[in-house]
C-alpha atoms as a PDB file:
ATOM      1  CA  MET A   1     -11.092 -76.369  34.254  1.00  0.00           C
ATOM      2  CA  SER A   2     -14.646 -76.353  33.028  1.00  0.00           C
ATOM      3  CA  TRP A   3     -17.653 -74.775  34.633  1.00  0.00           C
ATOM      4  CA  GLU A   4     -20.634 -76.769  35.810  1.00  0.00           C
ATOM      5  CA  ALA A   5     -24.101 -75.758  36.954  1.00  0.00           C
ATOM      6  CA  ASP A   6     -22.771 -76.053  40.536  1.00  0.00           C
ATOM      7  CA  ASP A   7     -20.447 -73.109  39.818  1.00  0.00           C
ATOM      8  CA  VAL A   8     -23.431 -70.810  39.266  1.00  0.00           C
ATOM      9  CA  THR A   9     -24.264 -68.424  42.117  1.00  0.00           C
ATOM     10  CA  LEU A  10     -27.200 -66.069  42.501  1.00  0.00           C
ATOM     11  CA  VAL A  11     -26.079 -62.494  43.198  1.00  0.00           C
ATOM     12  CA  ALA A  12     -27.926 -59.243  43.798  1.00  0.00           C
ATOM     13  CA  LEU A  13     -28.748 -57.492  40.536  1.00  0.00           C
ATOM     14  CA  ASP A  14     -27.748 -54.094  41.941  1.00  0.00           C
ATOM     15  CA  TRP A  15     -24.175 -55.321  42.642  1.00  0.00           C
ATOM     16  CA  LEU A  16     -23.458 -55.868  38.947  1.00  0.00           C
ATOM     17  CA  LYS A  17     -21.665 -53.218  36.903  1.00  0.00           C
ATOM     18  CA  PRO A  18     -21.850 -53.155  33.095  1.00  0.00           C
ATOM     19  CA  HIS A  19     -18.979 -51.789  31.027  1.00  0.00           C
ATOM     20  CA  GLU A  20     -20.702 -51.796  27.631  1.00  0.00           C
ATOM     21  CA  GLU A  21     -23.956 -50.613  26.102  1.00  0.00           C
ATOM     22  CA  ILE A  22     -26.433 -53.106  24.684  1.00  0.00           C
ATOM     23  CA  LYS A  23     -28.362 -53.375  21.443  1.00  0.00           C
ATOM     24  CA  THR A  24     -31.986 -52.800  22.407  1.00  0.00           C
ATOM     25  CA  ARG A  25     -33.369 -55.028  19.669  1.00  0.00           C
ATOM     26  CA  ASN A  26     -31.203 -57.948  20.841  1.00  0.00           C
ATOM     27  CA  ARG A  27     -32.306 -57.366  24.432  1.00  0.00           C
ATOM     28  CA  ASP A  28     -35.963 -57.303  23.416  1.00  0.00           C
ATOM     29  CA  LYS A  29     -35.612 -60.658  21.614  1.00  0.00           C
ATOM     30  CA  LEU A  30     -33.869 -62.141  24.638  1.00  0.00           C
ATOM     31  CA  LEU A  31     -36.529 -60.697  26.946  1.00  0.00           C
ATOM     32  CA  ASP A  32     -39.259 -62.450  24.935  1.00  0.00           C
ATOM     33  CA  MET A  33     -37.357 -65.742  24.995  1.00  0.00           C
ATOM     34  CA  THR A  34     -36.656 -65.455  28.730  1.00  0.00           C
ATOM     35  CA  LYS A  35     -40.360 -64.937  29.418  1.00  0.00           C
ATOM     36  CA  ARG A  36     -41.235 -67.947  27.229  1.00  0.00           C
ATOM     37  CA  TRP A  37     -38.654 -70.135  28.977  1.00  0.00           C
ATOM     38  CA  GLY A  38     -39.770 -68.826  32.350  1.00  0.00           C
ATOM     39  CA  GLY A  39     -36.187 -68.343  33.487  1.00  0.00           C
ATOM     40  CA  PHE A  40     -32.534 -67.836  32.696  1.00  0.00           C
ATOM     41  CA  THR A  41     -30.776 -70.555  30.696  1.00  0.00           C
ATOM     42  CA  LYS A  42     -27.263 -69.109  30.761  1.00  0.00           C
ATOM     43  CA  PRO A  43     -25.371 -67.379  33.590  1.00  0.00           C
ATOM     44  CA  LEU A  44     -23.518 -64.084  33.341  1.00  0.00           C
ATOM     45  CA  LEU A  45     -19.737 -64.064  33.730  1.00  0.00           C
ATOM     46  CA  VAL A  46     -18.737 -61.563  36.429  1.00  0.00           C
ATOM     47  CA  ASP A  47     -15.543 -60.391  38.129  1.00  0.00           C
ATOM     48  CA  SER A  48     -15.671 -61.596  41.730  1.00  0.00           C
ATOM     49  CA  GLU A  49     -13.819 -58.552  43.071  1.00  0.00           C
ATOM     50  CA  THR A  50     -15.776 -55.695  41.464  1.00  0.00           C
ATOM     51  CA  GLY A  51     -19.039 -57.071  40.082  1.00  0.00           C
ATOM     52  CA  ALA A  52     -17.980 -56.046  36.558  1.00  0.00           C
ATOM     53  CA  ILE A  53     -19.999 -57.884  33.914  1.00  0.00           C
ATOM     54  CA  LEU A  54     -17.686 -59.573  31.427  1.00  0.00           C
ATOM     55  CA  ASP A  55     -20.266 -61.545  29.482  1.00  0.00           C
ATOM     56  CA  GLY A  56     -24.029 -61.114  29.712  1.00  0.00           C
ATOM     57  CA  HIS A  57     -24.897 -57.446  29.282  1.00  0.00           C
ATOM     58  CA  HIS A  58     -28.135 -58.287  27.468  1.00  0.00           C
ATOM     59  CA  ARG A  59     -29.119 -60.795  30.180  1.00  0.00           C
ATOM     60  CA  HIS A  60     -28.392 -58.084  32.765  1.00  0.00           C
ATOM     61  CA  SER A  61     -30.689 -55.686  30.902  1.00  0.00           C
ATOM     62  CA  VAL A  62     -33.392 -58.378  30.746  1.00  0.00           C
ATOM     63  CA  ALA A  63     -33.124 -58.791  34.531  1.00  0.00           C
ATOM     64  CA  ILE A  64     -33.580 -55.038  34.983  1.00  0.00           C
ATOM     65  CA  SER A  65     -36.596 -55.045  32.649  1.00  0.00           C
ATOM     66  CA  LEU A  66     -38.167 -57.883  34.641  1.00  0.00           C
ATOM     67  CA  GLU A  67     -37.330 -56.132  37.945  1.00  0.00           C
ATOM     68  CA  LEU A  68     -35.522 -59.213  39.219  1.00  0.00           C
ATOM     69  CA  LYS A  69     -33.644 -59.061  42.514  1.00  0.00           C
ATOM     70  CA  ARG A  70     -30.981 -61.655  41.668  1.00  0.00           C
ATOM     71  CA  VAL A  71     -29.298 -63.119  38.612  1.00  0.00           C
ATOM     72  CA  PRO A  72     -27.314 -66.318  37.992  1.00  0.00           C
ATOM     73  CA  VAL A  73     -23.588 -65.699  37.542  1.00  0.00           C
ATOM     74  CA  ILE A  74     -20.260 -67.435  37.447  1.00  0.00           C
ATOM     75  CA  LEU A  75     -17.753 -65.457  39.495  1.00  0.00           C
ATOM     76  CA  ILE A  76     -14.108 -65.364  38.422  1.00  0.00           C
ATOM     77  CA  ASN A  77     -11.005 -63.434  39.386  1.00  0.00           C
ATOM     78  CA  TYR A  78     -10.880 -61.643  36.044  1.00  0.00           C
ATOM     79  CA  LEU A  79      -7.496 -59.938  36.338  1.00  0.00           C
ATOM     80  CA  ARG A  80      -5.769 -63.158  37.407  1.00  0.00           C
ATOM     81  CA  ASP A  81      -7.600 -65.694  35.226  1.00  0.00           C
ATOM     82  CA  GLU A  82      -5.351 -66.314  32.238  1.00  0.00           C
ATOM     83  CA  GLU A  83      -7.963 -68.475  30.504  1.00  0.00           C
ATOM     84  CA  ILE A  84      -9.984 -65.349  29.721  1.00  0.00           C
ATOM     85  CA  THR A  85      -8.590 -62.787  27.312  1.00  0.00           C
ATOM     86  CA  VAL A  86     -10.030 -59.573  25.950  1.00  0.00           C
ATOM     87  CA  ASP A  87      -9.657 -57.895  22.584  1.00  0.00           C
ATOM     88  CA  VAL A  88     -11.692 -55.373  20.610  1.00  0.00           C
ATOM     89  CA  TRP A  89     -14.301 -56.078  17.967  1.00  0.00           C
ATOM     90  CA  PRO A  90     -13.323 -54.813  14.501  1.00  0.00           C
ATOM     91  CA  GLY A  91     -14.748 -51.385  13.780  1.00  0.00           C
ATOM     92  CA  CYS A  92     -15.462 -50.509  17.416  1.00  0.00           C
ATOM     93  CA  GLY A  93     -13.270 -47.401  17.310  1.00  0.00           C
ATOM     94  CA  LEU A  94     -10.527 -48.661  19.636  1.00  0.00           C
ATOM     95  CA  ASP A  95      -7.226 -50.245  18.660  1.00  0.00           C
ATOM     96  CA  SER A  96      -6.936 -52.276  21.828  1.00  0.00           C
ATOM     97  CA  ILE A  97      -8.451 -52.861  25.255  1.00  0.00           C
ATOM     98  CA  SER A  98      -7.096 -54.411  28.445  1.00  0.00           C
ATOM     99  CA  LYS A  99      -8.725 -56.195  31.351  1.00  0.00           C
ATOM    100  CA  GLU A 100      -7.848 -53.154  33.464  1.00  0.00           C
ATOM    101  CA  ASP A 101      -9.683 -50.919  30.958  1.00  0.00           C
ATOM    102  CA  VAL A 102     -12.805 -53.101  31.257  1.00  0.00           C
ATOM    103  CA  ILE A 103     -12.754 -52.948  35.073  1.00  0.00           C
ATOM    104  CA  ALA A 104     -12.092 -49.197  35.084  1.00  0.00           C
ATOM    105  CA  MET A 105     -15.014 -48.564  32.712  1.00  0.00           C
ATOM    106  CA  SER A 106     -17.378 -50.700  34.780  1.00  0.00           C
ATOM    107  CA  LEU A 107     -16.439 -48.796  37.938  1.00  0.00           C
ATOM    108  CA  SER A 108     -16.667 -45.381  36.236  1.00  0.00           C
ATOM    109  CA  GLY A 109     -20.400 -45.494  35.590  1.00  0.00           C
ATOM    110  CA  ASN A 110     -19.739 -44.854  31.891  1.00  0.00           C
ATOM    111  CA  LEU A 111     -20.094 -47.421  29.119  1.00  0.00           C
ATOM    112  CA  TYR A 112     -18.232 -48.413  25.993  1.00  0.00           C
ATOM    113  CA  SER A 113     -20.331 -48.704  22.848  1.00  0.00           C
ATOM    114  CA  ALA A 114     -22.001 -52.053  22.228  1.00  0.00           C
ATOM    115  CA  LYS A 115     -19.649 -54.683  20.811  1.00  0.00           C
ATOM    116  CA  THR A 116     -16.425 -53.013  21.977  1.00  0.00           C
ATOM    117  CA  SER A 117     -14.882 -55.727  24.146  1.00  0.00           C
ATOM    118  CA  LYS A 118     -14.595 -59.266  22.848  1.00  0.00           C
ATOM    119  CA  HIS A 119     -13.822 -61.801  25.559  1.00  0.00           C
ATOM    120  CA  THR A 120     -12.408 -65.178  24.668  1.00  0.00           C
ATOM    121  CA  ILE A 121     -13.407 -67.685  27.303  1.00  0.00           C
ATOM    122  CA  ALA A 122     -11.661 -71.038  27.405  1.00  0.00           C
ATOM    123  CA  ASN A 123     -14.581 -72.600  29.263  1.00  0.00           C
ATOM    124  CA  HIS A 124     -18.116 -72.682  27.970  1.00  0.00           C
ATOM    125  CA  MET A 125     -20.991 -71.585  30.165  1.00  0.00           C
ATOM    126  CA  PRO A 126     -22.991 -74.469  31.580  1.00  0.00           C
ATOM    127  CA  PRO A 127     -26.635 -74.781  30.561  1.00  0.00           C
ATOM    128  CA  ILE A 128     -28.918 -73.855  33.444  1.00  0.00           C
ATOM    129  CA  HIS A 129     -32.590 -73.221  34.048  1.00  0.00           C
ATOM    130  CA  ILE A 130     -33.296 -70.942  36.970  1.00  0.00           C
ATOM    131  CA  LEU A 131     -36.922 -69.901  37.222  1.00  0.00           C
ATOM    132  CA  LEU A 132     -37.888 -66.241  37.211  1.00  0.00           C
ATOM    133  CA  GLU A 133     -39.788 -66.780  40.473  1.00  0.00           C
ATOM    134  CA  GLU A 134     -36.504 -67.739  42.136  1.00  0.00           C
ATOM    135  CA  LEU A 135     -34.778 -64.635  40.762  1.00  0.00           C
ATOM    136  CA  GLU A 136     -37.538 -62.351  42.045  1.00  0.00           C
ATOM    137  CA  LYS A 137     -36.658 -63.249  45.657  1.00  0.00           C
ATOM    138  CA  ASN A 138     -34.303 -61.136  47.786  1.00  0.00           C
ATOM    139  CA  GLU A 139     -32.654 -64.120  49.494  1.00  0.00           C
END
């Protein structure tokens, strides 16, 4: 299975739940690029059941900074999708992490440190270009 641009859905920004902190400098660079491009060029990967962000924390932070209403995502059933695995980044302070840990953290309102979870995704994200004007709408 591979994802296509047709698999991208726009969801309400306030439904999404991060599980990990971001690096502000990386977000600021991405914010500048997003403004220059005039839109998002890569969707976030999100659990369809909980709204937990699996990939795209910096893009989520950019959307908050721009006060967007919606963001482009690919929704998956994270706990059941065997093509996506999770491990820890070296030096993050944890020996291991599970998909259940990621979901629990996203629902707790707390955050792991940046670069704690490392998701391996069998499918690559499709290139997209969704204009900021579209993401500012409530629809």
